[in-house]
């Protein structure tokens, strides 16, 4: 898809949807950095992502399999 086609497609979207596209592009630019090889690589390793370990102190999730079984039973039984 050419840049011109992308711009044409973007121009026919409603303003609120255009804003979503622009926000997503901004997110991708922050998330990925271009290296000298022209290859786009993630800026952080998965283990360095902020969300890793956010539930480590949750006492109810010590056994994650048991927690999932309990939630499924509560929600779908």
PDB file of N, CA and C in Angstrom:
ATOM      1  N   UNK A   1       0.857  -1.169   0.000  1.00  0.00           N
ATOM      2  CA  UNK A   1       0.000   0.000   0.000  1.00  0.00           C
ATOM      3  C   UNK A   1       0.905   1.233   0.000  1.00  0.00           C
ATOM      4  N   UNK A   2       0.641   2.142  -0.875  1.00  0.00           N
ATOM      5  CA  UNK A   2       1.468   3.344  -0.999  1.00  0.00           C
ATOM      6  C   UNK A   2       1.085   4.377   0.057  1.00  0.00           C
ATOM      7  N   UNK A   3       1.975   5.324   0.285  1.00  0.00           N
ATOM      8  CA  UNK A   3       1.688   6.404   1.220  1.00  0.00           C
ATOM      9  C   UNK A   3       0.485   7.215   0.761  1.00  0.00           C
ATOM     10  N   UNK A   4       0.397   7.402  -0.546  1.00  0.00           N
ATOM     11  CA  UNK A   4      -0.732   8.161  -1.082  1.00  0.00           C
ATOM     12  C   UNK A   4      -2.056   7.464  -0.785  1.00  0.00           C
ATOM     13  N   UNK A   5      -2.078   6.132  -0.930  1.00  0.00           N
ATOM     14  CA  UNK A   5      -3.297   5.368  -0.653  1.00  0.00           C
ATOM     15  C   UNK A   5      -3.650   5.446   0.831  1.00  0.00           C
ATOM     16  N   UNK A   6      -2.637   5.368   1.671  1.00  0.00           N
ATOM     17  CA  UNK A   6      -2.877   5.474   3.112  1.00  0.00           C
ATOM     18  C   UNK A   6      -3.485   6.836   3.439  1.00  0.00           C
ATOM     19  N   UNK A   7      -2.939   7.895   2.866  1.00  0.00           N
ATOM     20  CA  UNK A   7      -3.479   9.235   3.105  1.00  0.00           C
ATOM     21  C   UNK A   7      -4.905   9.375   2.584  1.00  0.00           C
ATOM     22  N   UNK A   8      -5.184   8.791   1.414  1.00  0.00           N
ATOM     23  CA  UNK A   8      -6.559   8.831   0.880  1.00  0.00           C
ATOM     24  C   UNK A   8      -7.509   8.085   1.815  1.00  0.00           C
ATOM     25  N   UNK A   9      -7.099   6.902   2.248  1.00  0.00           N
ATOM     26  CA  UNK A   9      -7.951   6.124   3.153  1.00  0.00           C
ATOM     27  C   UNK A   9      -8.179   6.858   4.468  1.00  0.00           C
ATOM     28  N   UNK A  10      -7.141   7.486   4.983  1.00  0.00           N
ATOM     29  CA  UNK A  10      -7.253   8.240   6.226  1.00  0.00           C
ATOM     30  C   UNK A  10      -8.200   9.426   6.066  1.00  0.00           C
ATOM     31  N   UNK A  11      -8.140  10.076   4.925  1.00  0.00           N
ATOM     32  CA  UNK A  11      -8.951  11.281   4.715  1.00  0.00           C
ATOM     33  C   UNK A  11     -10.449  11.004   4.660  1.00  0.00           C
ATOM     34  N   UNK A  12     -10.855   9.795   4.341  1.00  0.00           N
ATOM     35  CA  UNK A  12     -12.287   9.493   4.273  1.00  0.00           C
ATOM     36  C   UNK A  12     -12.856   9.005   5.605  1.00  0.00           C
ATOM     37  N   UNK A  13     -11.997   8.829   6.592  1.00  0.00           N
ATOM     38  CA  UNK A  13     -12.483   8.389   7.905  1.00  0.00           C
ATOM     39  C   UNK A  13     -13.090   9.555   8.667  1.00  0.00           C
ATOM     40  N   UNK A  14     -14.023   9.263   9.571  1.00  0.00           N
ATOM     41  CA  UNK A  14     -14.565  10.329  10.426  1.00  0.00           C
ATOM     42  C   UNK A  14     -13.443  10.899  11.314  1.00  0.00           C
ATOM     43  N   UNK A  15     -13.561  12.146  11.725  1.00  0.00           N
ATOM     44  CA  UNK A  15     -12.504  12.781  12.525  1.00  0.00           C
ATOM     45  C   UNK A  15     -12.107  11.994  13.778  1.00  0.00           C
ATOM     46  N   UNK A  16     -13.064  11.430  14.480  1.00  0.00           N
ATOM     47  CA  UNK A  16     -12.728  10.686  15.705  1.00  0.00           C
ATOM     48  C   UNK A  16     -11.916   9.437  15.379  1.00  0.00           C
ATOM     49  N   UNK A  17     -12.207   8.802  14.268  1.00  0.00           N
ATOM     50  CA  UNK A  17     -11.454   7.613  13.862  1.00  0.00           C
ATOM     51  C   UNK A  17     -10.061   8.008  13.383  1.00  0.00           C
ATOM     52  N   UNK A  18      -9.961   9.130  12.685  1.00  0.00           N
ATOM     53  CA  UNK A  18      -8.647   9.632  12.273  1.00  0.00           C
ATOM     54  C   UNK A  18      -7.760   9.864  13.486  1.00  0.00           C
ATOM     55  N   UNK A  19      -8.366  10.416  14.547  1.00  0.00           N
ATOM     56  CA  UNK A  19      -7.613  10.661  15.786  1.00  0.00           C
ATOM     57  C   UNK A  19      -7.093   9.347  16.361  1.00  0.00           C
ATOM     58  N   UNK A  20      -7.903   8.286  16.310  1.00  0.00           N
ATOM     59  CA  UNK A  20      -7.458   6.973  16.791  1.00  0.00           C
ATOM     60  C   UNK A  20      -6.259   6.471  15.992  1.00  0.00           C
ATOM     61  N   UNK A  21      -6.318   6.640  14.678  1.00  0.00           N
ATOM     62  CA  UNK A  21      -5.211   6.212  13.818  1.00  0.00           C
ATOM     63  C   UNK A  21      -3.948   6.989  14.170  1.00  0.00           C
ATOM     64  N   UNK A  22      -4.074   8.287  14.345  1.00  0.00           N
ATOM     65  CA  UNK A  22      -2.927   9.128  14.687  1.00  0.00           C
ATOM     66  C   UNK A  22      -2.356   8.734  16.049  1.00  0.00           C
ATOM     67  N   UNK A  23      -3.231   8.466  17.008  1.00  0.00           N
ATOM     68  CA  UNK A  23      -2.776   8.027  18.327  1.00  0.00           C
ATOM     69  C   UNK A  23      -2.046   6.689  18.239  1.00  0.00           C
ATOM     70  N   UNK A  24      -2.562   5.780  17.413  1.00  0.00           N
ATOM     71  CA  UNK A  24      -1.930   4.470  17.263  1.00  0.00           C
ATOM     72  C   UNK A  24      -0.548   4.608  16.627  1.00  0.00           C
ATOM     73  N   UNK A  25      -0.441   5.473  15.640  1.00  0.00           N
ATOM     74  CA  UNK A  25       0.853   5.713  15.009  1.00  0.00           C
ATOM     75  C   UNK A  25       1.842   6.267  16.039  1.00  0.00           C
ATOM     76  N   UNK A  26       1.387   7.199  16.867  1.00  0.00           N
ATOM     77  CA  UNK A  26       2.247   7.761  17.913  1.00  0.00           C
ATOM     78  C   UNK A  26       2.689   6.669  18.883  1.00  0.00           C
ATOM     79  N   UNK A  27       1.765   5.775  19.254  1.00  0.00           N
ATOM     80  CA  UNK A  27       2.104   4.652  20.126  1.00  0.00           C
ATOM     81  C   UNK A  27       3.175   3.779  19.482  1.00  0.00           C
ATOM     82  N   UNK A  28       2.980   3.438  18.208  1.00  0.00           N
ATOM     83  CA  UNK A  28       3.959   2.588  17.529  1.00  0.00           C
ATOM     84  C   UNK A  28       5.324   3.256  17.433  1.00  0.00           C
ATOM     85  N   UNK A  29       5.343   4.548  17.196  1.00  0.00           N
ATOM     86  CA  UNK A  29       6.627   5.261  17.105  1.00  0.00           C
ATOM     87  C   UNK A  29       7.348   5.245  18.439  1.00  0.00           C
ATOM     88  N   UNK A  30       6.615   5.343  19.545  1.00  0.00           N
ATOM     89  CA  UNK A  30       7.242   5.273  20.869  1.00  0.00           C
ATOM     90  C   UNK A  30       7.694   3.854  21.182  1.00  0.00           C
ATOM     91  N   UNK A  31       6.932   2.881  20.743  1.00  0.00           N
ATOM     92  CA  UNK A  31       7.177   1.474  21.080  1.00  0.00           C
ATOM     93  C   UNK A  31       8.334   0.877  20.295  1.00  0.00           C
ATOM     94  N   UNK A  32       8.541   1.324  19.097  1.00  0.00           N
ATOM     95  CA  UNK A  32       9.568   0.764  18.234  1.00  0.00           C
ATOM     96  C   UNK A  32      10.549   1.848  17.809  1.00  0.00           C
ATOM     97  N   UNK A  33      11.786   1.443  17.711  1.00  0.00           N
ATOM     98  CA  UNK A  33      12.815   2.368  17.239  1.00  0.00           C
ATOM     99  C   UNK A  33      13.486   1.749  16.025  1.00  0.00           C
ATOM    100  N   UNK A  34      13.804   2.583  15.062  1.00  0.00           N
ATOM    101  CA  UNK A  34      14.473   2.072  13.878  1.00  0.00           C
ATOM    102  C   UNK A  34      15.964   2.002  14.139  1.00  0.00           C
ATOM    103  N   UNK A  35      16.536   0.881  13.796  1.00  0.00           N
ATOM    104  CA  UNK A  35      17.971   0.675  13.919  1.00  0.00           C
ATOM    105  C   UNK A  35      18.619   1.004  12.579  1.00  0.00           C
ATOM    106  N   UNK A  36      19.918   1.079  12.546  1.00  0.00           N
ATOM    107  CA  UNK A  36      20.633   1.396  11.327  1.00  0.00           C
ATOM    108  C   UNK A  36      20.364   0.426  10.189  1.00  0.00           C
ATOM    109  N   UNK A  37      19.969  -0.795  10.517  1.00  0.00           N
ATOM    110  CA  UNK A  37      19.720  -1.799   9.484  1.00  0.00           C
ATOM    111  C   UNK A  37      18.396  -1.571   8.761  1.00  0.00           C
ATOM    112  N   UNK A  38      17.600  -0.624   9.237  1.00  0.00           N
ATOM    113  CA  UNK A  38      16.291  -0.404   8.645  1.00  0.00           C
ATOM    114  C   UNK A  38      15.239  -1.335   9.230  1.00  0.00           C
ATOM    115  N   UNK A  39      15.668  -2.237  10.076  1.00  0.00           N
ATOM    116  CA  UNK A  39      14.758  -3.196  10.697  1.00  0.00           C
ATOM    117  C   UNK A  39      14.130  -2.543  11.931  1.00  0.00           C
ATOM    118  N   UNK A  40      12.833  -2.734  12.130  1.00  0.00           N
ATOM    119  CA  UNK A  40      12.147  -2.181  13.294  1.00  0.00           C
ATOM    120  C   UNK A  40      12.194  -3.222  14.397  1.00  0.00           C
ATOM    121  N   UNK A  41      12.694  -2.812  15.566  1.00  0.00           N
ATOM    122  CA  UNK A  41      12.833  -3.728  16.692  1.00  0.00           C
ATOM    123  C   UNK A  41      12.115  -3.160  17.909  1.00  0.00           C
ATOM    124  N   UNK A  42      11.611  -4.036  18.780  1.00  0.00           N
ATOM    125  CA  UNK A  42      10.975  -3.540  20.002  1.00  0.00           C
ATOM    126  C   UNK A  42      11.976  -2.737  20.825  1.00  0.00           C
ATOM    127  N   UNK A  43      11.513  -1.683  21.482  1.00  0.00           N
ATOM    128  CA  UNK A  43      12.402  -0.858  22.280  1.00  0.00           C
ATOM    129  C   UNK A  43      12.738  -1.503  23.620  1.00  0.00           C
ATOM    130  N   UNK A  44      11.888  -2.412  24.119  1.00  0.00           N
ATOM    131  CA  UNK A  44      12.134  -3.094  25.379  1.00  0.00           C
ATOM    132  C   UNK A  44      12.005  -4.598  25.199  1.00  0.00           C
ATOM    133  N   UNK A  45      12.813  -5.339  25.938  1.00  0.00           N
ATOM    134  CA  UNK A  45      12.626  -6.790  25.993  1.00  0.00           C
ATOM    135  C   UNK A  45      11.360  -7.053  26.804  1.00  0.00           C
ATOM    136  N   UNK A  46      10.700  -8.159  26.546  1.00  0.00           N
ATOM    137  CA  UNK A  46       9.448  -8.470  27.239  1.00  0.00           C
ATOM    138  C   UNK A  46       9.633  -8.427  28.748  1.00  0.00           C
ATOM    139  N   UNK A  47      10.723  -8.969  29.250  1.00  0.00           N
ATOM    140  CA  UNK A  47      10.931  -8.992  30.702  1.00  0.00           C
ATOM    141  C   UNK A  47      11.079  -7.590  31.292  1.00  0.00           C
ATOM    142  N   UNK A  48      11.384  -6.600  30.452  1.00  0.00           N
ATOM    143  CA  UNK A  48      11.546  -5.224  30.913  1.00  0.00           C
ATOM    144  C   UNK A  48      10.284  -4.383  30.753  1.00  0.00           C
ATOM    145  N   UNK A  49       9.216  -4.969  30.226  1.00  0.00           N
ATOM    146  CA  UNK A  49       7.961  -4.244  30.069  1.00  0.00           C
ATOM    147  C   UNK A  49       7.380  -3.927  31.452  1.00  0.00           C
ATOM    148  N   UNK A  50       6.767  -2.769  31.605  1.00  0.00           N
ATOM    149  CA  UNK A  50       6.247  -2.357  32.916  1.00  0.00           C
ATOM    150  C   UNK A  50       5.193  -3.299  33.499  1.00  0.00           C
ATOM    151  N   UNK A  51       4.430  -3.995  32.644  1.00  0.00           N
ATOM    152  CA  UNK A  51       3.348  -4.825  33.163  1.00  0.00           C
ATOM    153  C   UNK A  51       3.838  -6.140  33.767  1.00  0.00           C
ATOM    154  N   UNK A  52       5.066  -6.556  33.475  1.00  0.00           N
ATOM    155  CA  UNK A  52       5.578  -7.828  33.990  1.00  0.00           C
ATOM    156  C   UNK A  52       5.704  -7.725  35.508  1.00  0.00           C
ATOM    157  N   UNK A  53       5.045  -8.643  36.202  1.00  0.00           N
ATOM    158  CA  UNK A  53       5.124  -8.701  37.660  1.00  0.00           C
ATOM    159  C   UNK A  53       4.113  -7.842  38.399  1.00  0.00           C
ATOM    160  N   UNK A  54       3.143  -7.253  37.690  1.00  0.00           N
ATOM    161  CA  UNK A  54       2.221  -6.351  38.379  1.00  0.00           C
ATOM    162  C   UNK A  54       1.345  -7.064  39.410  1.00  0.00           C
ATOM    163  N   UNK A  55       1.196  -8.385  39.263  1.00  0.00           N
ATOM    164  CA  UNK A  55       0.356  -9.121  40.212  1.00  0.00           C
ATOM    165  C   UNK A  55       1.182  -9.993  41.152  1.00  0.00           C
ATOM    166  N   UNK A  56       2.473  -9.771  41.238  1.00  0.00           N
ATOM    167  CA  UNK A  56       3.322 -10.677  42.019  1.00  0.00           C
ATOM    168  C   UNK A  56       2.964 -10.690  43.495  1.00  0.00           C
ATOM    169  N   UNK A  57       2.404  -9.621  44.029  1.00  0.00           N
ATOM    170  CA  UNK A  57       2.068  -9.554  45.453  1.00  0.00           C
ATOM    171  C   UNK A  57       0.639  -9.969  45.760  1.00  0.00           C
ATOM    172  N   UNK A  58      -0.105 -10.422  44.764  1.00  0.00           N
ATOM    173  CA  UNK A  58      -1.494 -10.835  44.968  1.00  0.00           C
ATOM    174  C   UNK A  58      -1.528 -12.198  45.641  1.00  0.00           C
ATOM    175  N   UNK A  59      -2.034 -12.260  46.852  1.00  0.00           N
ATOM    176  CA  UNK A  59      -2.104 -13.515  47.614  1.00  0.00           C
ATOM    177  C   UNK A  59      -3.096 -14.495  46.990  1.00  0.00           C
ATOM    178  N   UNK A  60      -4.141 -13.952  46.314  1.00  0.00           N
ATOM    179  CA  UNK A  60      -5.156 -14.827  45.717  1.00  0.00           C
ATOM    180  C   UNK A  60      -4.682 -15.464  44.416  1.00  0.00           C
ATOM    181  N   UNK A  61      -3.505 -15.081  43.929  1.00  0.00           N
ATOM    182  CA  UNK A  61      -3.012 -15.618  42.659  1.00  0.00           C
ATOM    183  C   UNK A  61      -1.707 -16.399  42.814  1.00  0.00           C
ATOM    184  N   UNK A  62      -1.452 -16.917  43.994  1.00  0.00           N
ATOM    185  CA  UNK A  62      -0.244 -17.717  44.196  1.00  0.00           C
ATOM    186  C   UNK A  62      -0.264 -18.912  43.253  1.00  0.00           C
ATOM    187  N   UNK A  63      -1.413 -19.571  43.150  1.00  0.00           N
ATOM    188  CA  UNK A  63      -1.595 -20.674  42.198  1.00  0.00           C
ATOM    189  C   UNK A  63      -2.506 -20.145  41.080  1.00  0.00           C
ATOM    190  N   UNK A  64      -1.900 -19.703  39.988  1.00  0.00           N
ATOM    191  CA  UNK A  64      -2.680 -19.059  38.924  1.00  0.00           C
ATOM    192  C   UNK A  64      -3.683 -20.008  38.279  1.00  0.00           C
ATOM    193  N   UNK A  65      -3.342 -21.285  38.161  1.00  0.00           N
ATOM    194  CA  UNK A  65      -4.280 -22.254  37.570  1.00  0.00           C
ATOM    195  C   UNK A  65      -5.525 -22.396  38.435  1.00  0.00           C
ATOM    196  N   UNK A  66      -5.328 -22.469  39.730  1.00  0.00           N
ATOM    197  CA  UNK A  66      -6.466 -22.570  40.653  1.00  0.00           C
ATOM    198  C   UNK A  66      -7.306 -21.299  40.598  1.00  0.00           C
ATOM    199  N   UNK A  67      -6.655 -20.144  40.506  1.00  0.00           N
ATOM    200  CA  UNK A  67      -7.371 -18.875  40.413  1.00  0.00           C
ATOM    201  C   UNK A  67      -8.249 -18.834  39.165  1.00  0.00           C
ATOM    202  N   UNK A  68      -7.699 -19.281  38.026  1.00  0.00           N
ATOM    203  CA  UNK A  68      -8.462 -19.297  36.774  1.00  0.00           C
ATOM    204  C   UNK A  68      -9.654 -20.249  36.896  1.00  0.00           C
ATOM    205  N   UNK A  69      -9.448 -21.439  37.456  1.00  0.00           N
ATOM    206  CA  UNK A  69     -10.557 -22.393  37.637  1.00  0.00           C
ATOM    207  C   UNK A  69     -11.657 -21.777  38.498  1.00  0.00           C
ATOM    208  N   UNK A  70     -11.258 -21.104  39.570  1.00  0.00           N
ATOM    209  CA  UNK A  70     -12.235 -20.492  40.482  1.00  0.00           C
ATOM    210  C   UNK A  70     -13.029 -19.396  39.758  1.00  0.00           C
ATOM    211  N   UNK A  71     -12.354 -18.542  39.022  1.00  0.00           N
ATOM    212  CA  UNK A  71     -13.034 -17.464  38.302  1.00  0.00           C
ATOM    213  C   UNK A  71     -13.976 -18.041  37.249  1.00  0.00           C
ATOM    214  N   UNK A  72     -13.518 -19.050  36.523  1.00  0.00           N
ATOM    215  CA  UNK A  72     -14.381 -19.670  35.497  1.00  0.00           C
ATOM    216  C   UNK A  72     -15.624 -20.274  36.152  1.00  0.00           C
ATOM    217  N   UNK A  73     -15.452 -20.924  37.274  1.00  0.00           N
ATOM    218  CA  UNK A  73     -16.594 -21.508  37.979  1.00  0.00           C
ATOM    219  C   UNK A  73     -17.574 -20.423  38.418  1.00  0.00           C
ATOM    220  N   UNK A  74     -17.050 -19.334  38.948  1.00  0.00           N
ATOM    221  CA  UNK A  74     -17.904 -18.242  39.421  1.00  0.00           C
ATOM    222  C   UNK A  74     -18.638 -17.565  38.258  1.00  0.00           C
ATOM    223  N   UNK A  75     -17.944 -17.356  37.155  1.00  0.00           N
ATOM    224  CA  UNK A  75     -18.508 -16.596  36.061  1.00  0.00           C
ATOM    225  C   UNK A  75     -19.379 -17.424  35.104  1.00  0.00           C
ATOM    226  N   UNK A  76     -19.059 -18.697  34.921  1.00  0.00           N
ATOM    227  CA  UNK A  76     -19.736 -19.468  33.875  1.00  0.00           C
ATOM    228  C   UNK A  76     -20.481 -20.700  34.401  1.00  0.00           C
ATOM    229  N   UNK A  77     -20.739 -20.728  35.679  1.00  0.00           N
ATOM    230  CA  UNK A  77     -21.509 -21.871  36.207  1.00  0.00           C
ATOM    231  C   UNK A  77     -22.889 -21.435  36.600  1.00  0.00           C
TER     232      UNK A  77
END
